[in-house]
Amino acid sequence: AHFPPGSSGVLVLTSRNAECKQYATADFVALEGLSPNEATQLLLKAADVASDQRPLLEDDARGVATLLQSHPLALIQAGVYVGRGHCTLEEYPKVYERQRKRLLKFRPSQAQSRYRDVYATFEASVEILQASQTQSSRDALELLPLLAMCGPSQLPLFVFEAAWNGAQKIPKDESANE
């Protein structure tokens, strides 16, 4: 962490990693996630479960929401994963646990962070892309490293338009040789 030097001003540090509270010179405020009911409903909505089917799946959804510590991004990713038919809400904890164990071997500094939930749900989605034989899945996997370097800021549409236009100028026989 880098904190700018100076004798006046206020620095607000936000993190999901509780270890960062050591940098606080004033009160440390822990913000909680969604309530169990809100988390369950968000997951069911992200999984595109029909309203009349939600009561039947609430117990499984509540279990997944608890597993993901009500982290909104993890809930949305898990919901989309389930909604696309890769597994059921009942099966999701096993998928998550498999990915979580693998990830914790490589990300020990994040092991205490709530982001581990996002990593595991993201990795489950990547696993599906890797198993898919479609061109769009291969393209998505190729784009991931590029987009990961871009940070959280939005990419202008013209970047993709320029790439598309440039790709159209590559002769078909040249692209087959690569």
N, C-alpha and C. Protein backbone atom coordinates (compact mmCIF):
# COMPACT_ATOMS: atom_id res chain seq x y z
N ALA A 1 0.85 -1.18 0.00
CA ALA A 1 0.00 0.00 0.00
C ALA A 1 0.88 1.23 0.00
N HIS A 2 0.45 2.24 -0.72
CA HIS A 2 1.16 3.51 -0.75
C HIS A 2 0.22 4.60 -0.25
N PHE A 3 0.69 5.35 0.73
CA PHE A 3 -0.08 6.47 1.24
C PHE A 3 0.73 7.73 0.99
N PRO A 4 0.13 8.73 0.34
CA PRO A 4 0.87 9.95 0.02
C PRO A 4 1.29 10.69 1.29
N PRO A 5 2.48 11.31 1.26
CA PRO A 5 2.94 12.06 2.43
C PRO A 5 2.16 13.36 2.57
N GLY A 6 2.14 13.90 3.74
CA GLY A 6 1.46 15.16 3.97
C GLY A 6 0.95 15.24 5.39
N SER A 7 0.64 16.47 5.80
CA SER A 7 0.18 16.65 7.18
C SER A 7 -1.30 16.98 7.25
N SER A 8 -1.96 17.08 6.11
CA SER A 8 -3.39 17.38 6.15
C SER A 8 -4.10 16.57 5.08
N GLY A 9 -5.39 16.47 5.23
CA GLY A 9 -6.19 15.73 4.26
C GLY A 9 -6.75 14.47 4.87
N VAL A 10 -7.55 13.81 4.09
CA VAL A 10 -8.20 12.58 4.54
C VAL A 10 -8.01 11.54 3.45
N LEU A 11 -7.70 10.36 3.86
CA LEU A 11 -7.56 9.25 2.93
C LEU A 11 -8.58 8.20 3.32
N VAL A 12 -9.44 7.85 2.38
CA VAL A 12 -10.44 6.81 2.62
C VAL A 12 -9.97 5.55 1.91
N LEU A 13 -9.77 4.51 2.67
CA LEU A 13 -9.32 3.24 2.13
C LEU A 13 -10.48 2.25 2.20
N THR A 14 -10.81 1.67 1.07
CA THR A 14 -11.88 0.66 1.05
C THR A 14 -11.28 -0.66 0.62
N SER A 15 -11.69 -1.72 1.28
CA SER A 15 -11.21 -3.05 0.95
C SER A 15 -12.14 -4.08 1.54
N ARG A 16 -12.23 -5.22 0.87
CA ARG A 16 -12.97 -6.35 1.43
C ARG A 16 -12.05 -7.20 2.30
N ASN A 17 -10.77 -6.90 2.29
CA ASN A 17 -9.79 -7.65 3.06
C ASN A 17 -9.67 -7.02 4.44
N ALA A 18 -10.12 -7.72 5.46
CA ALA A 18 -10.15 -7.18 6.82
C ALA A 18 -8.76 -6.87 7.36
N GLU A 19 -7.71 -7.45 6.79
CA GLU A 19 -6.36 -7.17 7.25
C GLU A 19 -5.97 -5.71 7.01
N CYS A 20 -6.66 -5.02 6.12
CA CYS A 20 -6.34 -3.63 5.83
C CYS A 20 -6.72 -2.69 6.97
N LYS A 21 -7.46 -3.17 7.94
CA LYS A 21 -7.84 -2.31 9.06
C LYS A 21 -6.63 -1.85 9.85
N GLN A 22 -5.49 -2.51 9.69
CA GLN A 22 -4.28 -2.10 10.38
C GLN A 22 -3.81 -0.70 9.95
N TYR A 23 -4.26 -0.23 8.79
CA TYR A 23 -3.86 1.08 8.30
C TYR A 23 -4.77 2.20 8.81
N ALA A 24 -5.83 1.85 9.48
CA ALA A 24 -6.80 2.85 9.95
C ALA A 24 -6.23 3.64 11.12
N THR A 25 -6.34 4.96 11.02
CA THR A 25 -5.96 5.82 12.14
C THR A 25 -7.20 6.29 12.88
N ALA A 26 -8.34 6.07 12.30
CA ALA A 26 -9.62 6.39 12.93
C ALA A 26 -10.43 5.11 12.96
N ASP A 27 -11.72 5.25 13.00
CA ASP A 27 -12.58 4.07 13.08
C ASP A 27 -12.50 3.23 11.82
N PHE A 28 -12.54 1.94 12.04
CA PHE A 28 -12.63 0.97 10.96
C PHE A 28 -14.10 0.55 10.87
N VAL A 29 -14.68 0.66 9.71
CA VAL A 29 -16.09 0.33 9.54
C VAL A 29 -16.19 -0.88 8.63
N ALA A 30 -16.75 -1.95 9.14
CA ALA A 30 -16.96 -3.15 8.34
C ALA A 30 -18.36 -3.08 7.74
N LEU A 31 -18.43 -3.09 6.43
CA LEU A 31 -19.71 -3.08 5.74
C LEU A 31 -20.12 -4.51 5.46
N GLU A 32 -21.31 -4.84 5.85
CA GLU A 32 -21.80 -6.20 5.67
C GLU A 32 -22.36 -6.37 4.26
N GLY A 33 -22.51 -7.60 3.86
CA GLY A 33 -23.06 -7.92 2.55
C GLY A 33 -24.58 -7.85 2.58
N LEU A 34 -25.17 -8.46 1.63
CA LEU A 34 -26.62 -8.51 1.53
C LEU A 34 -27.19 -9.37 2.66
N SER A 35 -28.44 -9.13 2.99
CA SER A 35 -29.12 -9.99 3.96
C SER A 35 -29.30 -11.36 3.31
N PRO A 36 -29.50 -12.41 4.12
CA PRO A 36 -29.71 -13.74 3.53
C PRO A 36 -30.86 -13.78 2.52
N ASN A 37 -31.95 -13.09 2.81
CA ASN A 37 -33.08 -13.08 1.89
C ASN A 37 -32.73 -12.33 0.60
N GLU A 38 -32.07 -11.18 0.72
CA GLU A 38 -31.68 -10.42 -0.48
C GLU A 38 -30.71 -11.23 -1.34
N ALA A 39 -29.75 -11.89 -0.69
CA ALA A 39 -28.77 -12.69 -1.43
C ALA A 39 -29.46 -13.85 -2.15
N THR A 40 -30.39 -14.50 -1.48
CA THR A 40 -31.12 -15.62 -2.08
C THR A 40 -31.92 -15.15 -3.29
N GLN A 41 -32.60 -14.03 -3.16
CA GLN A 41 -33.41 -13.51 -4.27
C GLN A 41 -32.53 -13.07 -5.44
N LEU A 42 -31.38 -12.45 -5.15
CA LEU A 42 -30.47 -12.04 -6.21
C LEU A 42 -29.97 -13.26 -6.98
N LEU A 43 -29.60 -14.30 -6.27
CA LEU A 43 -29.13 -15.52 -6.91
C LEU A 43 -30.20 -16.15 -7.80
N LEU A 44 -31.41 -16.24 -7.28
CA LEU A 44 -32.51 -16.82 -8.07
C LEU A 44 -32.81 -15.98 -9.31
N LYS A 45 -32.75 -14.67 -9.16
CA LYS A 45 -32.99 -13.79 -10.31
C LYS A 45 -31.87 -13.95 -11.34
N ALA A 46 -30.61 -13.98 -10.88
CA ALA A 46 -29.49 -14.14 -11.80
C ALA A 46 -29.53 -15.50 -12.51
N ALA A 47 -30.08 -16.50 -11.83
CA ALA A 47 -30.21 -17.84 -12.44
C ALA A 47 -31.41 -17.92 -13.36
N ASP A 48 -32.15 -16.83 -13.46
CA ASP A 48 -33.32 -16.75 -14.33
C ASP A 48 -34.38 -17.80 -13.97
N VAL A 49 -34.56 -17.98 -12.65
CA VAL A 49 -35.57 -18.92 -12.16
C VAL A 49 -36.92 -18.22 -12.22
N ALA A 50 -37.90 -18.86 -12.80
CA ALA A 50 -39.25 -18.30 -12.90
C ALA A 50 -39.81 -18.05 -11.50
N SER A 51 -40.57 -16.98 -11.37
CA SER A 51 -41.12 -16.59 -10.07
C SER A 51 -41.87 -17.72 -9.38
N ASP A 52 -42.64 -18.48 -10.14
CA ASP A 52 -43.42 -19.56 -9.51
C ASP A 52 -42.55 -20.74 -9.07
N GLN A 53 -41.32 -20.83 -9.58
CA GLN A 53 -40.41 -21.91 -9.20
C GLN A 53 -39.49 -21.53 -8.04
N ARG A 54 -39.39 -20.26 -7.74
CA ARG A 54 -38.45 -19.79 -6.72
C ARG A 54 -38.68 -20.41 -5.34
N PRO A 55 -39.94 -20.52 -4.88
CA PRO A 55 -40.13 -21.13 -3.55
C PRO A 55 -39.58 -22.56 -3.47
N LEU A 56 -39.62 -23.29 -4.57
CA LEU A 56 -39.12 -24.67 -4.58
C LEU A 56 -37.60 -24.75 -4.47
N LEU A 57 -36.93 -23.69 -4.90
CA LEU A 57 -35.46 -23.70 -4.94
C LEU A 57 -34.83 -22.82 -3.87
N GLU A 58 -35.64 -22.20 -3.02
CA GLU A 58 -35.10 -21.26 -2.04
C GLU A 58 -34.09 -21.89 -1.09
N ASP A 59 -34.33 -23.11 -0.64
CA ASP A 59 -33.39 -23.74 0.29
C ASP A 59 -32.02 -23.94 -0.36
N ASP A 60 -32.00 -24.46 -1.59
CA ASP A 60 -30.73 -24.63 -2.29
C ASP A 60 -30.06 -23.28 -2.55
N ALA A 61 -30.86 -22.29 -2.95
CA ALA A 61 -30.32 -20.96 -3.22
C ALA A 61 -29.76 -20.33 -1.94
N ARG A 62 -30.44 -20.51 -0.83
CA ARG A 62 -29.97 -19.97 0.45
C ARG A 62 -28.63 -20.61 0.82
N GLY A 63 -28.50 -21.90 0.56
CA GLY A 63 -27.23 -22.59 0.83
C GLY A 63 -26.09 -22.03 0.00
N VAL A 64 -26.35 -21.78 -1.28
CA VAL A 64 -25.32 -21.20 -2.15
C VAL A 64 -25.00 -19.78 -1.71
N ALA A 65 -26.01 -19.00 -1.37
CA ALA A 65 -25.79 -17.62 -0.91
C ALA A 65 -24.94 -17.60 0.35
N THR A 66 -25.19 -18.52 1.25
CA THR A 66 -24.38 -18.61 2.47
C THR A 66 -22.95 -19.00 2.13
N LEU A 67 -22.79 -19.97 1.24
CA LEU A 67 -21.47 -20.40 0.80
C LEU A 67 -20.67 -19.24 0.22
N LEU A 68 -21.34 -18.38 -0.55
CA LEU A 68 -20.68 -17.25 -1.20
C LEU A 68 -20.67 -16.00 -0.33
N GLN A 69 -21.06 -16.14 0.92
CA GLN A 69 -21.05 -15.05 1.89
C GLN A 69 -21.83 -13.83 1.41
N SER A 70 -22.87 -14.06 0.66
CA SER A 70 -23.76 -13.00 0.16
C SER A 70 -23.03 -11.95 -0.67
N HIS A 71 -21.92 -12.32 -1.27
CA HIS A 71 -21.15 -11.39 -2.10
C HIS A 71 -21.88 -11.21 -3.43
N PRO A 72 -22.36 -9.99 -3.74
CA PRO A 72 -23.21 -9.80 -4.92
C PRO A 72 -22.60 -10.27 -6.24
N LEU A 73 -21.33 -9.95 -6.50
CA LEU A 73 -20.74 -10.36 -7.77
C LEU A 73 -20.64 -11.88 -7.85
N ALA A 74 -20.26 -12.53 -6.77
CA ALA A 74 -20.19 -13.99 -6.76
C ALA A 74 -21.57 -14.60 -6.96
N LEU A 75 -22.59 -14.00 -6.35
CA LEU A 75 -23.96 -14.51 -6.50
C LEU A 75 -24.42 -14.40 -7.95
N ILE A 76 -24.12 -13.28 -8.58
CA ILE A 76 -24.53 -13.08 -9.97
C ILE A 76 -23.81 -14.07 -10.88
N GLN A 77 -22.50 -14.23 -10.68
CA GLN A 77 -21.76 -15.17 -11.51
C GLN A 77 -22.27 -16.60 -11.32
N ALA A 78 -22.52 -16.97 -10.08
CA ALA A 78 -23.05 -18.31 -9.80
C ALA A 78 -24.43 -18.48 -10.43
N GLY A 79 -25.26 -17.46 -10.32
CA GLY A 79 -26.60 -17.53 -10.89
C GLY A 79 -26.57 -17.70 -12.39
N VAL A 80 -25.73 -16.95 -13.06
CA VAL A 80 -25.62 -17.07 -14.52
C VAL A 80 -25.11 -18.46 -14.89
N TYR A 81 -24.14 -18.95 -14.14
CA TYR A 81 -23.59 -20.28 -14.37
C TYR A 81 -24.69 -21.34 -14.28
N VAL A 82 -25.50 -21.24 -13.24
CA VAL A 82 -26.62 -22.18 -13.06
C VAL A 82 -27.68 -21.95 -14.13
N GLY A 83 -27.99 -20.68 -14.41
CA GLY A 83 -29.01 -20.35 -15.38
C GLY A 83 -28.70 -20.84 -16.78
N ARG A 84 -27.43 -20.98 -17.09
CA ARG A 84 -27.04 -21.48 -18.41
C ARG A 84 -27.00 -23.01 -18.45
N GLY A 85 -27.39 -23.63 -17.36
CA GLY A 85 -27.54 -25.08 -17.36
C GLY A 85 -26.28 -25.88 -17.08
N HIS A 86 -25.22 -25.24 -16.56
CA HIS A 86 -23.98 -25.97 -16.30
C HIS A 86 -24.09 -26.85 -15.06
N CYS A 87 -24.98 -26.51 -14.16
CA CYS A 87 -25.28 -27.34 -13.00
C CYS A 87 -26.55 -26.79 -12.35
N THR A 88 -27.04 -27.48 -11.35
CA THR A 88 -28.21 -26.99 -10.62
C THR A 88 -27.75 -26.24 -9.38
N LEU A 89 -28.68 -25.55 -8.75
CA LEU A 89 -28.35 -24.88 -7.49
C LEU A 89 -27.90 -25.91 -6.44
N GLU A 90 -28.49 -27.07 -6.47
CA GLU A 90 -28.11 -28.12 -5.52
C GLU A 90 -26.68 -28.61 -5.77
N GLU A 91 -26.27 -28.66 -7.04
CA GLU A 91 -24.93 -29.15 -7.41
C GLU A 91 -23.85 -28.08 -7.28
N TYR A 92 -24.26 -26.81 -7.28
CA TYR A 92 -23.28 -25.72 -7.34
C TYR A 92 -22.23 -25.76 -6.22
N PRO A 93 -22.58 -26.06 -4.97
CA PRO A 93 -21.53 -26.08 -3.94
C PRO A 93 -20.36 -27.01 -4.25
N LYS A 94 -20.62 -28.14 -4.91
CA LYS A 94 -19.52 -29.05 -5.27
C LYS A 94 -18.63 -28.43 -6.34
N VAL A 95 -19.25 -27.78 -7.33
CA VAL A 95 -18.49 -27.09 -8.38
C VAL A 95 -17.63 -25.99 -7.75
N TYR A 96 -18.23 -25.22 -6.88
CA TYR A 96 -17.54 -24.12 -6.21
C TYR A 96 -16.37 -24.65 -5.38
N GLU A 97 -16.61 -25.68 -4.60
CA GLU A 97 -15.57 -26.22 -3.72
C GLU A 97 -14.38 -26.74 -4.51
N ARG A 98 -14.64 -27.39 -5.64
CA ARG A 98 -13.56 -27.89 -6.49
C ARG A 98 -12.70 -26.72 -6.98
N GLN A 99 -13.33 -25.65 -7.44
CA GLN A 99 -12.59 -24.49 -7.92
C GLN A 99 -11.88 -23.77 -6.77
N ARG A 100 -12.54 -23.66 -5.64
CA ARG A 100 -11.98 -22.95 -4.50
C ARG A 100 -10.69 -23.62 -4.02
N LYS A 101 -10.69 -24.94 -3.91
CA LYS A 101 -9.49 -25.65 -3.46
C LYS A 101 -8.34 -25.41 -4.42
N ARG A 102 -8.61 -25.45 -5.70
CA ARG A 102 -7.57 -25.23 -6.70
C ARG A 102 -7.04 -23.80 -6.62
N LEU A 103 -7.93 -22.84 -6.44
CA LEU A 103 -7.52 -21.45 -6.40
C LEU A 103 -6.73 -21.10 -5.15
N LEU A 104 -7.08 -21.68 -4.03
CA LEU A 104 -6.39 -21.34 -2.79
C LEU A 104 -4.94 -21.81 -2.81
N LYS A 105 -4.62 -22.77 -3.64
CA LYS A 105 -3.22 -23.18 -3.79
C LYS A 105 -2.38 -22.06 -4.40
N PHE A 106 -3.00 -21.25 -5.24
CA PHE A 106 -2.27 -20.24 -5.99
C PHE A 106 -2.50 -18.82 -5.51
N ARG A 107 -3.48 -18.61 -4.66
CA ARG A 107 -3.79 -17.26 -4.19
C ARG A 107 -3.88 -17.22 -2.67
N PRO A 108 -2.81 -17.61 -1.96
CA PRO A 108 -2.92 -17.63 -0.50
C PRO A 108 -3.16 -16.27 0.11
N SER A 109 -2.66 -15.19 -0.50
CA SER A 109 -2.89 -13.87 0.08
C SER A 109 -4.35 -13.46 -0.02
N GLN A 110 -5.08 -14.04 -0.94
CA GLN A 110 -6.49 -13.72 -1.08
C GLN A 110 -7.37 -14.68 -0.30
N ALA A 111 -6.76 -15.67 0.32
CA ALA A 111 -7.55 -16.71 0.97
C ALA A 111 -8.46 -16.16 2.06
N GLN A 112 -8.07 -15.06 2.68
CA GLN A 112 -8.88 -14.50 3.74
C GLN A 112 -9.86 -13.45 3.22
N SER A 113 -9.78 -13.13 1.95
CA SER A 113 -10.63 -12.09 1.37
C SER A 113 -11.94 -12.68 0.88
N ARG A 114 -12.98 -11.86 0.90
CA ARG A 114 -14.26 -12.29 0.33
C ARG A 114 -14.17 -12.41 -1.19
N TYR A 115 -13.11 -11.87 -1.79
CA TYR A 115 -12.95 -12.01 -3.24
C TYR A 115 -12.75 -13.46 -3.64
N ARG A 116 -12.35 -14.34 -2.71
CA ARG A 116 -12.15 -15.74 -3.08
C ARG A 116 -13.43 -16.32 -3.67
N ASP A 117 -14.58 -15.81 -3.23
CA ASP A 117 -15.85 -16.28 -3.76
C ASP A 117 -15.98 -15.90 -5.23
N VAL A 118 -15.56 -14.69 -5.56
CA VAL A 118 -15.63 -14.23 -6.95
C VAL A 118 -14.66 -15.02 -7.80
N TYR A 119 -13.44 -15.23 -7.29
CA TYR A 119 -12.46 -16.00 -8.05
C TYR A 119 -12.99 -17.39 -8.38
N ALA A 120 -13.54 -18.06 -7.39
CA ALA A 120 -14.02 -19.43 -7.61
C ALA A 120 -15.18 -19.46 -8.60
N THR A 121 -16.11 -18.52 -8.49
CA THR A 121 -17.24 -18.52 -9.42
C THR A 121 -16.77 -18.15 -10.83
N PHE A 122 -15.80 -17.24 -10.93
CA PHE A 122 -15.25 -16.87 -12.22
C PHE A 122 -14.53 -18.06 -12.85
N GLU A 123 -13.74 -18.76 -12.06
CA GLU A 123 -13.01 -19.92 -12.57
C GLU A 123 -13.95 -21.02 -13.04
N ALA A 124 -15.07 -21.19 -12.37
CA ALA A 124 -16.04 -22.19 -12.82
C ALA A 124 -16.55 -21.83 -14.21
N SER A 125 -16.77 -20.54 -14.46
CA SER A 125 -17.22 -20.11 -15.78
C SER A 125 -16.13 -20.31 -16.83
N VAL A 126 -14.89 -20.04 -16.47
CA VAL A 126 -13.77 -20.24 -17.40
C VAL A 126 -13.64 -21.72 -17.75
N GLU A 127 -13.85 -22.57 -16.76
CA GLU A 127 -13.77 -24.01 -17.00
C GLU A 127 -14.78 -24.44 -18.08
N ILE A 128 -15.96 -23.86 -18.04
CA ILE A 128 -16.98 -24.18 -19.05
C ILE A 128 -16.52 -23.69 -20.42
N LEU A 129 -15.94 -22.50 -20.49
CA LEU A 129 -15.44 -21.99 -21.77
C LEU A 129 -14.35 -22.91 -22.32
N GLN A 130 -13.47 -23.38 -21.44
CA GLN A 130 -12.38 -24.25 -21.88
C GLN A 130 -12.91 -25.59 -22.39
N ALA A 131 -13.97 -26.07 -21.82
CA ALA A 131 -14.54 -27.35 -22.24
C ALA A 131 -15.35 -27.23 -23.53
N SER A 132 -15.77 -26.02 -23.85
CA SER A 132 -16.60 -25.81 -25.03
C SER A 132 -15.75 -25.85 -26.30
N GLN A 133 -16.34 -26.32 -27.35
CA GLN A 133 -15.65 -26.39 -28.64
C GLN A 133 -16.08 -25.28 -29.60
N THR A 134 -16.87 -24.32 -29.13
CA THR A 134 -17.37 -23.29 -30.03
C THR A 134 -16.32 -22.21 -30.26
N GLN A 135 -16.42 -21.57 -31.39
CA GLN A 135 -15.50 -20.48 -31.72
C GLN A 135 -15.68 -19.31 -30.75
N SER A 136 -16.92 -19.02 -30.38
CA SER A 136 -17.14 -17.90 -29.46
C SER A 136 -16.50 -18.17 -28.10
N SER A 137 -16.48 -19.41 -27.64
CA SER A 137 -15.82 -19.74 -26.38
C SER A 137 -14.31 -19.55 -26.49
N ARG A 138 -13.74 -20.01 -27.60
CA ARG A 138 -12.29 -19.81 -27.81
C ARG A 138 -11.96 -18.33 -27.90
N ASP A 139 -12.81 -17.57 -28.58
CA ASP A 139 -12.59 -16.12 -28.68
C ASP A 139 -12.66 -15.46 -27.30
N ALA A 140 -13.64 -15.87 -26.50
CA ALA A 140 -13.78 -15.30 -25.15
C ALA A 140 -12.54 -15.59 -24.32
N LEU A 141 -12.01 -16.80 -24.41
CA LEU A 141 -10.80 -17.15 -23.66
C LEU A 141 -9.60 -16.35 -24.13
N GLU A 142 -9.53 -16.05 -25.41
CA GLU A 142 -8.44 -15.23 -25.94
C GLU A 142 -8.54 -13.78 -25.45
N LEU A 143 -9.76 -13.30 -25.30
CA LEU A 143 -9.97 -11.92 -24.85
C LEU A 143 -9.70 -11.71 -23.36
N LEU A 144 -9.87 -12.75 -22.56
CA LEU A 144 -9.74 -12.59 -21.11
C LEU A 144 -8.41 -11.97 -20.67
N PRO A 145 -7.24 -12.45 -21.13
CA PRO A 145 -5.99 -11.82 -20.68
C PRO A 145 -5.89 -10.35 -21.09
N LEU A 146 -6.36 -10.03 -22.28
CA LEU A 146 -6.34 -8.65 -22.74
C LEU A 146 -7.21 -7.77 -21.86
N LEU A 147 -8.43 -8.21 -21.61
CA LEU A 147 -9.36 -7.42 -20.81
C LEU A 147 -8.92 -7.33 -19.35
N ALA A 148 -8.23 -8.35 -18.86
CA ALA A 148 -7.76 -8.33 -17.47
C ALA A 148 -6.75 -7.21 -17.25
N MET A 149 -5.99 -6.86 -18.29
CA MET A 149 -5.00 -5.79 -18.16
C MET A 149 -5.63 -4.41 -18.21
N CYS A 150 -6.87 -4.31 -18.61
CA CYS A 150 -7.52 -3.02 -18.79
C CYS A 150 -8.05 -2.41 -17.50
N GLY A 151 -8.13 -3.17 -16.45
CA GLY A 151 -8.65 -2.64 -15.19
C GLY A 151 -10.15 -2.46 -15.24
N PRO A 152 -10.68 -1.77 -14.23
CA PRO A 152 -12.13 -1.66 -14.12
C PRO A 152 -12.77 -0.59 -15.01
N SER A 153 -11.96 0.21 -15.69
CA SER A 153 -12.55 1.27 -16.51
C SER A 153 -13.21 0.69 -17.75
N GLN A 154 -14.18 1.40 -18.27
CA GLN A 154 -14.90 0.94 -19.45
C GLN A 154 -14.03 1.10 -20.69
N LEU A 155 -14.12 0.15 -21.58
CA LEU A 155 -13.41 0.24 -22.85
C LEU A 155 -14.33 0.88 -23.87
N PRO A 156 -13.80 1.86 -24.61
CA PRO A 156 -14.64 2.46 -25.65
C PRO A 156 -14.95 1.44 -26.75
N LEU A 157 -16.14 1.53 -27.28
CA LEU A 157 -16.59 0.62 -28.32
C LEU A 157 -15.68 0.68 -29.55
N PHE A 158 -15.09 1.85 -29.82
CA PHE A 158 -14.27 1.98 -31.02
C PHE A 158 -13.05 1.06 -30.98
N VAL A 159 -12.59 0.67 -29.80
CA VAL A 159 -11.46 -0.26 -29.70
C VAL A 159 -11.84 -1.59 -30.35
N PHE A 160 -13.03 -2.07 -30.05
CA PHE A 160 -13.49 -3.33 -30.61
C PHE A 160 -13.84 -3.18 -32.09
N GLU A 161 -14.40 -2.03 -32.46
CA GLU A 161 -14.72 -1.80 -33.87
C GLU A 161 -13.45 -1.77 -34.71
N ALA A 162 -12.40 -1.11 -34.21
CA ALA A 162 -11.13 -1.05 -34.94
C ALA A 162 -10.52 -2.44 -35.07
N ALA A 163 -10.59 -3.23 -34.01
CA ALA A 163 -10.06 -4.60 -34.06
C ALA A 163 -10.83 -5.43 -35.08
N TRP A 164 -12.14 -5.29 -35.07
CA TRP A 164 -12.97 -6.04 -36.02
C TRP A 164 -12.65 -5.63 -37.45
N ASN A 165 -12.58 -4.33 -37.70
CA ASN A 165 -12.29 -3.85 -39.04
C ASN A 165 -10.92 -4.31 -39.50
N GLY A 166 -9.94 -4.28 -38.60
CA GLY A 166 -8.60 -4.76 -38.95
C GLY A 166 -8.59 -6.25 -39.25
N ALA A 167 -9.34 -7.01 -38.47
CA ALA A 167 -9.39 -8.46 -38.68
C ALA A 167 -10.03 -8.80 -40.01
N GLN A 168 -10.95 -7.98 -40.48
CA GLN A 168 -11.62 -8.25 -41.75
C GLN A 168 -10.66 -8.09 -42.94
N LYS A 169 -9.56 -7.37 -42.73
CA LYS A 169 -8.59 -7.15 -43.81
C LYS A 169 -7.57 -8.28 -43.92
N ILE A 170 -7.58 -9.19 -42.95
CA ILE A 170 -6.65 -10.32 -43.00
C ILE A 170 -7.21 -11.35 -43.98
N PRO A 171 -6.42 -11.72 -44.97
CA PRO A 171 -6.91 -12.73 -45.92
C PRO A 171 -7.24 -14.03 -45.20
N LYS A 172 -8.30 -14.68 -45.62
CA LYS A 172 -8.76 -15.92 -44.98
C LYS A 172 -7.66 -16.98 -44.94
N ASP A 173 -6.89 -17.11 -46.04
CA ASP A 173 -5.86 -18.16 -46.06
C ASP A 173 -4.72 -17.86 -45.10
N GLU A 174 -4.42 -16.58 -44.81
CA GLU A 174 -3.38 -16.22 -43.84
C GLU A 174 -3.79 -16.60 -42.43
N SER A 175 -5.04 -16.32 -42.07
CA SER A 175 -5.50 -16.61 -40.71
C SER A 175 -5.54 -18.11 -40.45
N ALA A 176 -5.70 -18.92 -41.48
CA ALA A 176 -5.73 -20.37 -41.31
C ALA A 176 -4.35 -20.94 -41.01
N ASN A 177 -3.28 -20.21 -41.39
CA ASN A 177 -1.92 -20.68 -41.17
C ASN A 177 -1.42 -20.43 -39.77
N GLU A 178 -2.12 -19.65 -38.98
CA GLU A 178 -1.63 -19.30 -37.65
C GLU A 178 -2.10 -20.27 -36.62
